[in-house]
N, C-alpha and C. Protein backbone atom coordinates (compact mmCIF):
# COMPACT_ATOMS: atom_id res chain seq x y z
N UNK A 1 53.99 53.34 80.26
CA UNK A 1 55.33 53.69 80.13
C UNK A 1 55.33 55.10 79.38
N UNK A 2 54.46 55.31 78.55
CA UNK A 2 54.19 56.55 77.84
C UNK A 2 53.81 57.79 78.82
N UNK A 3 52.79 57.33 79.61
CA UNK A 3 52.58 58.29 80.52
C UNK A 3 53.77 58.80 81.42
N UNK A 4 54.63 57.76 81.86
CA UNK A 4 55.75 58.12 82.54
C UNK A 4 56.70 58.99 81.77
N UNK A 5 57.05 58.69 80.53
CA UNK A 5 57.69 59.60 79.50
C UNK A 5 57.35 61.12 79.48
N UNK A 6 56.02 60.90 79.35
CA UNK A 6 55.18 62.32 79.34
C UNK A 6 55.60 63.16 80.49
N UNK A 7 55.41 62.43 81.40
CA UNK A 7 55.46 63.07 82.77
C UNK A 7 56.96 63.51 83.06
N UNK A 8 57.93 62.85 82.65
CA UNK A 8 59.27 63.17 82.80
C UNK A 8 59.66 64.31 81.94
N UNK A 9 59.32 64.27 80.54
CA UNK A 9 59.36 65.43 79.64
C UNK A 9 58.77 66.82 80.21
N UNK A 10 57.45 66.49 80.73
CA UNK A 10 56.95 67.72 81.52
C UNK A 10 57.71 68.25 82.38
N UNK A 11 58.23 67.23 83.37
CA UNK A 11 58.96 67.78 84.56
C UNK A 11 60.22 68.47 84.14
N UNK A 12 60.92 67.77 82.88
CA UNK A 12 61.98 68.34 82.47
C UNK A 12 61.75 69.81 81.83
N UNK A 13 60.74 69.96 81.19
CA UNK A 13 60.30 71.40 80.63
C UNK A 13 60.02 72.24 81.67
N UNK A 14 59.44 71.90 82.76
CA UNK A 14 59.06 72.83 83.85
C UNK A 14 60.48 73.09 84.45
N UNK A 15 61.42 72.13 84.68
CA UNK A 15 62.58 72.38 85.31
C UNK A 15 63.56 73.33 84.41
N UNK A 16 63.48 73.36 83.00
CA UNK A 16 64.18 74.17 82.34
C UNK A 16 63.52 75.56 82.26
N UNK A 17 62.13 75.59 82.19
CA UNK A 17 61.69 77.03 82.41
C UNK A 17 61.95 77.49 83.62
N UNK A 18 62.13 76.80 84.87
CA UNK A 18 62.43 77.18 86.19
C UNK A 18 63.76 77.87 86.04
N UNK A 19 64.72 76.85 85.44
CA UNK A 19 66.08 77.35 85.28
C UNK A 19 66.17 78.75 84.55
N UNK A 20 65.58 78.79 83.34
CA UNK A 20 65.47 80.03 82.58
C UNK A 20 64.93 81.26 83.25
N UNK A 21 63.96 80.96 84.08
CA UNK A 21 63.33 82.14 84.91
C UNK A 21 64.44 82.61 85.95
N UNK A 22 65.14 81.51 86.57
CA UNK A 22 66.16 81.91 87.55
C UNK A 22 67.16 82.63 86.78
N UNK A 23 67.53 82.12 85.64
CA UNK A 23 68.71 82.81 84.72
C UNK A 23 68.45 84.27 84.56
N UNK A 24 67.12 84.25 84.16
CA UNK A 24 66.48 85.98 83.83
C UNK A 24 66.71 86.82 84.84
N UNK A 25 66.23 86.12 86.11
CA UNK A 25 66.13 86.87 87.45
C UNK A 25 67.58 87.47 87.77
N UNK A 26 68.58 86.49 87.68
CA UNK A 26 69.89 86.61 88.16
C UNK A 26 70.48 87.61 87.08
N UNK A 27 70.19 87.52 85.79
CA UNK A 27 70.65 88.59 84.76
C UNK A 27 70.10 89.89 85.15
N UNK A 28 68.70 89.96 85.61
CA UNK A 28 68.28 91.47 85.86
C UNK A 28 68.90 91.93 87.18
N UNK A 29 69.26 91.00 88.07
CA UNK A 29 70.00 91.51 89.33
C UNK A 29 71.33 91.92 88.77
N UNK A 30 72.04 91.34 88.09
CA UNK A 30 73.54 91.70 87.58
C UNK A 30 73.37 93.00 86.94
N UNK A 31 72.52 93.22 86.01
CA UNK A 31 72.22 94.53 85.44
C UNK A 31 72.00 95.63 86.38
N UNK A 32 70.89 95.54 87.23
CA UNK A 32 70.69 96.36 88.19
C UNK A 32 71.78 96.61 89.30
N UNK A 33 72.67 95.57 89.58
CA UNK A 33 73.84 96.01 90.34
C UNK A 33 74.97 96.71 89.47
N UNK A 34 75.09 96.39 88.40
CA UNK A 34 76.13 97.08 87.51
C UNK A 34 75.76 98.45 87.24
N UNK A 35 74.36 98.62 87.03
CA UNK A 35 73.86 100.06 86.73
C UNK A 35 74.11 100.80 88.14
N UNK A 36 73.82 100.18 89.35
CA UNK A 36 74.06 100.89 90.42
C UNK A 36 75.56 101.36 90.80
N UNK A 37 76.20 100.32 90.54
CA UNK A 37 77.61 100.54 90.85
C UNK A 37 78.16 101.66 89.82
N UNK A 38 77.94 101.46 88.61
CA UNK A 38 78.36 102.48 87.70
C UNK A 38 77.59 103.96 88.10
N UNK A 39 76.60 104.10 88.58
CA UNK A 39 76.03 105.34 88.94
C UNK A 39 76.86 105.78 90.33
N UNK A 40 77.38 104.86 91.13
CA UNK A 40 78.05 105.03 92.39
C UNK A 40 79.34 105.69 92.06
N UNK A 41 80.02 104.90 91.03
CA UNK A 41 81.42 105.28 90.61
C UNK A 41 81.34 106.71 89.88
N UNK A 42 80.40 106.71 89.02
CA UNK A 42 80.10 108.02 88.32
C UNK A 42 79.95 109.37 89.34
N UNK A 43 79.15 109.09 90.37
CA UNK A 43 78.97 110.16 91.27
C UNK A 43 80.28 110.20 92.25
N UNK A 44 81.01 109.36 92.53
CA UNK A 44 82.10 109.42 93.46
C UNK A 44 83.29 110.05 92.53
N UNK A 45 83.31 109.78 91.31
CA UNK A 45 84.46 110.43 90.41
C UNK A 45 84.25 111.80 90.33
N UNK A 46 82.77 112.05 90.24
CA UNK A 46 82.27 113.69 90.27
C UNK A 46 82.64 114.44 91.53
N UNK A 47 82.28 113.71 92.58
CA UNK A 47 82.68 114.42 94.04
C UNK A 47 84.14 114.65 94.04
N UNK A 48 84.98 113.66 93.64
CA UNK A 48 86.45 113.61 93.87
C UNK A 48 86.90 114.73 92.72
N UNK A 49 86.44 114.76 91.53
CA UNK A 49 86.79 115.59 90.44
C UNK A 49 86.62 117.03 91.06
N UNK A 50 85.45 117.44 91.69
CA UNK A 50 85.06 118.69 92.36
C UNK A 50 86.07 119.05 93.53
N UNK A 51 86.34 118.06 94.13
CA UNK A 51 87.33 118.20 95.46
C UNK A 51 88.68 118.53 95.00
N UNK A 52 89.25 117.83 93.93
CA UNK A 52 90.45 118.07 93.29
C UNK A 52 90.58 119.51 92.61
N UNK A 53 89.40 119.89 91.95
CA UNK A 53 89.26 121.16 91.51
C UNK A 53 89.57 122.21 92.35
N UNK A 54 88.64 122.10 93.64
CA UNK A 54 88.74 123.12 94.75
C UNK A 54 90.04 123.15 95.49
N UNK A 55 90.70 121.96 95.52
CA UNK A 55 91.96 121.97 96.09
C UNK A 55 93.21 122.64 95.30
N UNK A 56 92.93 122.36 93.87
CA UNK A 56 93.74 123.03 92.95
C UNK A 56 93.47 124.45 92.99
N UNK A 57 92.16 125.02 93.12
CA UNK A 57 91.97 126.47 93.15
C UNK A 57 92.73 126.95 94.40
N UNK A 58 92.56 126.48 95.43
CA UNK A 58 93.30 126.81 96.73
C UNK A 58 94.65 126.90 96.55
N UNK A 59 95.26 125.75 96.15
CA UNK A 59 96.87 125.79 95.86
C UNK A 59 97.23 126.91 95.00
N UNK A 60 96.34 127.08 93.89
CA UNK A 60 96.81 128.36 93.01
C UNK A 60 96.65 129.57 93.70
N UNK A 61 95.64 129.82 94.71
CA UNK A 61 95.60 131.09 95.42
C UNK A 61 96.67 131.23 96.25
N UNK A 62 97.19 129.89 97.02
CA UNK A 62 98.23 130.20 97.85
C UNK A 62 99.46 130.41 97.27
N UNK A 63 99.78 129.85 95.87
CA UNK A 63 100.90 130.11 95.08
C UNK A 63 101.08 131.68 94.87
N UNK A 64 99.80 132.03 94.31
CA UNK A 64 99.73 133.66 93.92
C UNK A 64 100.01 134.34 95.26
N UNK A 65 99.49 134.15 96.27
CA UNK A 65 99.53 134.94 97.59
C UNK A 65 100.99 134.95 97.97
N UNK A 66 101.53 133.62 97.71
CA UNK A 66 102.95 133.53 98.19
C UNK A 66 104.04 134.50 97.20
N UNK A 67 103.52 134.21 96.02
CA UNK A 67 104.26 135.06 94.87
C UNK A 67 104.23 136.67 95.16
N UNK A 68 102.96 137.08 95.50
CA UNK A 68 102.68 138.41 95.85
C UNK A 68 103.48 138.80 96.95
N UNK A 69 103.47 138.03 98.07
CA UNK A 69 104.20 138.28 99.33
C UNK A 69 105.76 138.29 98.97
N UNK A 70 106.20 137.55 98.27
CA UNK A 70 107.46 137.34 97.87
C UNK A 70 107.94 138.67 97.16
N UNK A 71 107.13 139.18 96.33
CA UNK A 71 107.51 140.56 95.60
C UNK A 71 107.39 141.71 96.49
N UNK A 72 106.42 141.63 97.39
CA UNK A 72 106.20 142.73 98.37
C UNK A 72 107.68 142.68 99.43
N UNK A 73 107.94 141.48 99.88
CA UNK A 73 109.20 141.50 100.57
C UNK A 73 110.47 141.81 99.86
N UNK A 74 110.43 141.32 98.70
CA UNK A 74 111.77 141.83 97.84
C UNK A 74 111.74 143.24 97.74
N UNK A 75 110.43 143.96 97.33
CA UNK A 75 110.71 145.35 97.36
C UNK A 75 110.97 146.07 98.64
N UNK A 76 110.48 145.34 99.67
CA UNK A 76 110.76 146.04 101.02
C UNK A 76 112.25 145.76 101.15
N UNK A 77 112.79 145.00 100.92
CA UNK A 77 114.15 144.53 101.27
C UNK A 77 114.96 145.60 100.32
N UNK A 78 114.56 145.61 99.10
CA UNK A 78 115.43 146.60 98.26
C UNK A 78 115.32 148.06 98.69
N UNK A 79 114.14 148.40 99.20
CA UNK A 79 113.86 149.82 99.82
C UNK A 79 114.79 149.94 101.15
N UNK A 80 114.72 148.88 101.96
CA UNK A 80 115.62 148.99 103.01
C UNK A 80 117.09 148.94 102.79
N UNK A 81 117.55 148.19 101.59
CA UNK A 81 118.86 148.31 101.42
C UNK A 81 119.27 149.80 100.91
N UNK A 82 118.38 150.25 99.99
CA UNK A 82 118.57 151.58 99.55
C UNK A 82 118.71 152.55 100.65
N UNK A 83 117.75 152.64 101.45
CA UNK A 83 117.84 153.31 102.74
C UNK A 83 119.18 153.29 103.53
N UNK A 84 119.63 151.88 103.77
CA UNK A 84 120.80 151.49 104.52
C UNK A 84 122.01 152.33 103.80
N UNK A 85 121.96 152.21 102.48
CA UNK A 85 123.09 152.71 101.77
C UNK A 85 123.17 154.25 101.83
N UNK A 86 121.98 154.82 101.88
CA UNK A 86 121.99 156.27 102.03
C UNK A 86 122.52 156.81 103.22
N UNK A 87 121.96 156.11 104.38
CA UNK A 87 122.20 156.23 105.76
C UNK A 87 123.81 156.14 106.02
N UNK A 88 124.21 154.97 105.37
CA UNK A 88 125.91 155.02 105.58
C UNK A 88 126.71 156.09 104.91
N UNK A 89 126.10 156.39 103.73
CA UNK A 89 126.78 157.43 102.95
C UNK A 89 126.60 158.74 103.73
N UNK A 90 125.50 158.95 104.40
CA UNK A 90 125.39 160.25 105.15
C UNK A 90 126.23 160.13 106.38
N UNK A 91 126.37 158.99 106.94
CA UNK A 91 127.24 158.79 108.17
C UNK A 91 128.67 159.07 107.90
N UNK A 92 129.02 158.50 106.69
CA UNK A 92 130.49 158.72 106.19
C UNK A 92 130.62 160.24 105.85
N UNK A 93 129.89 160.79 105.16
CA UNK A 93 129.96 162.37 105.14
C UNK A 93 130.22 163.05 106.38
N UNK A 94 129.12 162.70 107.46
CA UNK A 94 129.13 163.52 108.68
C UNK A 94 130.66 163.17 109.25
N UNK A 95 131.18 161.85 109.29
CA UNK A 95 132.50 161.64 109.64
C UNK A 95 133.59 162.33 109.20
N UNK A 96 133.39 162.54 107.82
CA UNK A 96 134.37 163.35 106.90
C UNK A 96 134.41 164.80 107.48
N UNK A 97 133.06 165.29 107.51
CA UNK A 97 132.81 166.62 107.99
C UNK A 97 133.46 166.94 109.24
N UNK A 98 133.24 165.89 110.17
CA UNK A 98 133.68 166.01 111.65
C UNK A 98 135.25 166.03 111.47
N UNK A 99 135.96 165.11 110.73
CA UNK A 99 137.24 165.04 110.69
C UNK A 99 137.91 166.46 110.11
N UNK A 100 137.24 166.89 109.10
CA UNK A 100 137.79 168.18 108.57
C UNK A 100 137.64 169.41 109.62
N UNK A 101 136.55 169.44 110.46
CA UNK A 101 136.43 170.24 111.39
C UNK A 101 137.53 170.20 112.62
N UNK A 102 137.79 168.86 113.04
CA UNK A 102 138.98 168.74 113.85
C UNK A 102 140.16 169.20 113.31
N UNK A 103 140.48 169.14 112.09
CA UNK A 103 141.75 169.33 111.34
C UNK A 103 141.83 171.02 111.49
N UNK A 104 140.61 171.73 111.08
CA UNK A 104 140.56 173.10 111.29
C UNK A 104 140.67 173.64 112.37
N UNK A 105 140.04 173.04 113.41
CA UNK A 105 140.30 173.35 114.74
C UNK A 105 141.65 173.33 115.26
N UNK A 106 142.33 172.21 114.95
CA UNK A 106 143.67 171.96 115.20
C UNK A 106 144.70 173.10 114.59
N UNK A 107 144.39 173.33 113.30
CA UNK A 107 145.11 174.37 112.66
C UNK A 107 144.99 175.75 113.58
N UNK A 108 143.74 176.06 113.67
CA UNK A 108 143.52 177.47 114.30
C UNK A 108 144.17 177.41 115.57
N UNK A 109 143.94 176.29 116.63
CA UNK A 109 144.65 176.34 117.80
C UNK A 109 145.97 176.36 117.70
N UNK A 110 146.78 175.86 116.68
CA UNK A 110 148.17 175.82 116.67
C UNK A 110 148.61 177.15 116.25
N UNK A 111 147.97 177.93 115.35
CA UNK A 111 148.20 179.08 115.18
C UNK A 111 148.42 180.17 116.28
N UNK A 112 147.42 179.88 117.13
CA UNK A 112 147.32 180.82 118.28
C UNK A 112 148.62 180.56 119.13
């Protein structure tokens, strides 16, 4: 009977050692998996941060370019408006001059 009890205790100790070893191995696997996952997420976060920074830079360039073009178009529109105003004034002056010439011509012909 004692031999049997010793044998059962020995088997129980071996079983507990095996379970502890399995637990240790699973804990190592868990830690390795967590570290690998953390490295993956950190790298992925860095990649996306770099992409977001690049897209932000491109958007900023587009906004600046759009603003620059808007100012250029505004300047051109103001220049064209000024030229149109000047041409309209010149046309009106020429029409007035032409009308005055007609009146003078009519006066001259009426006297003769």
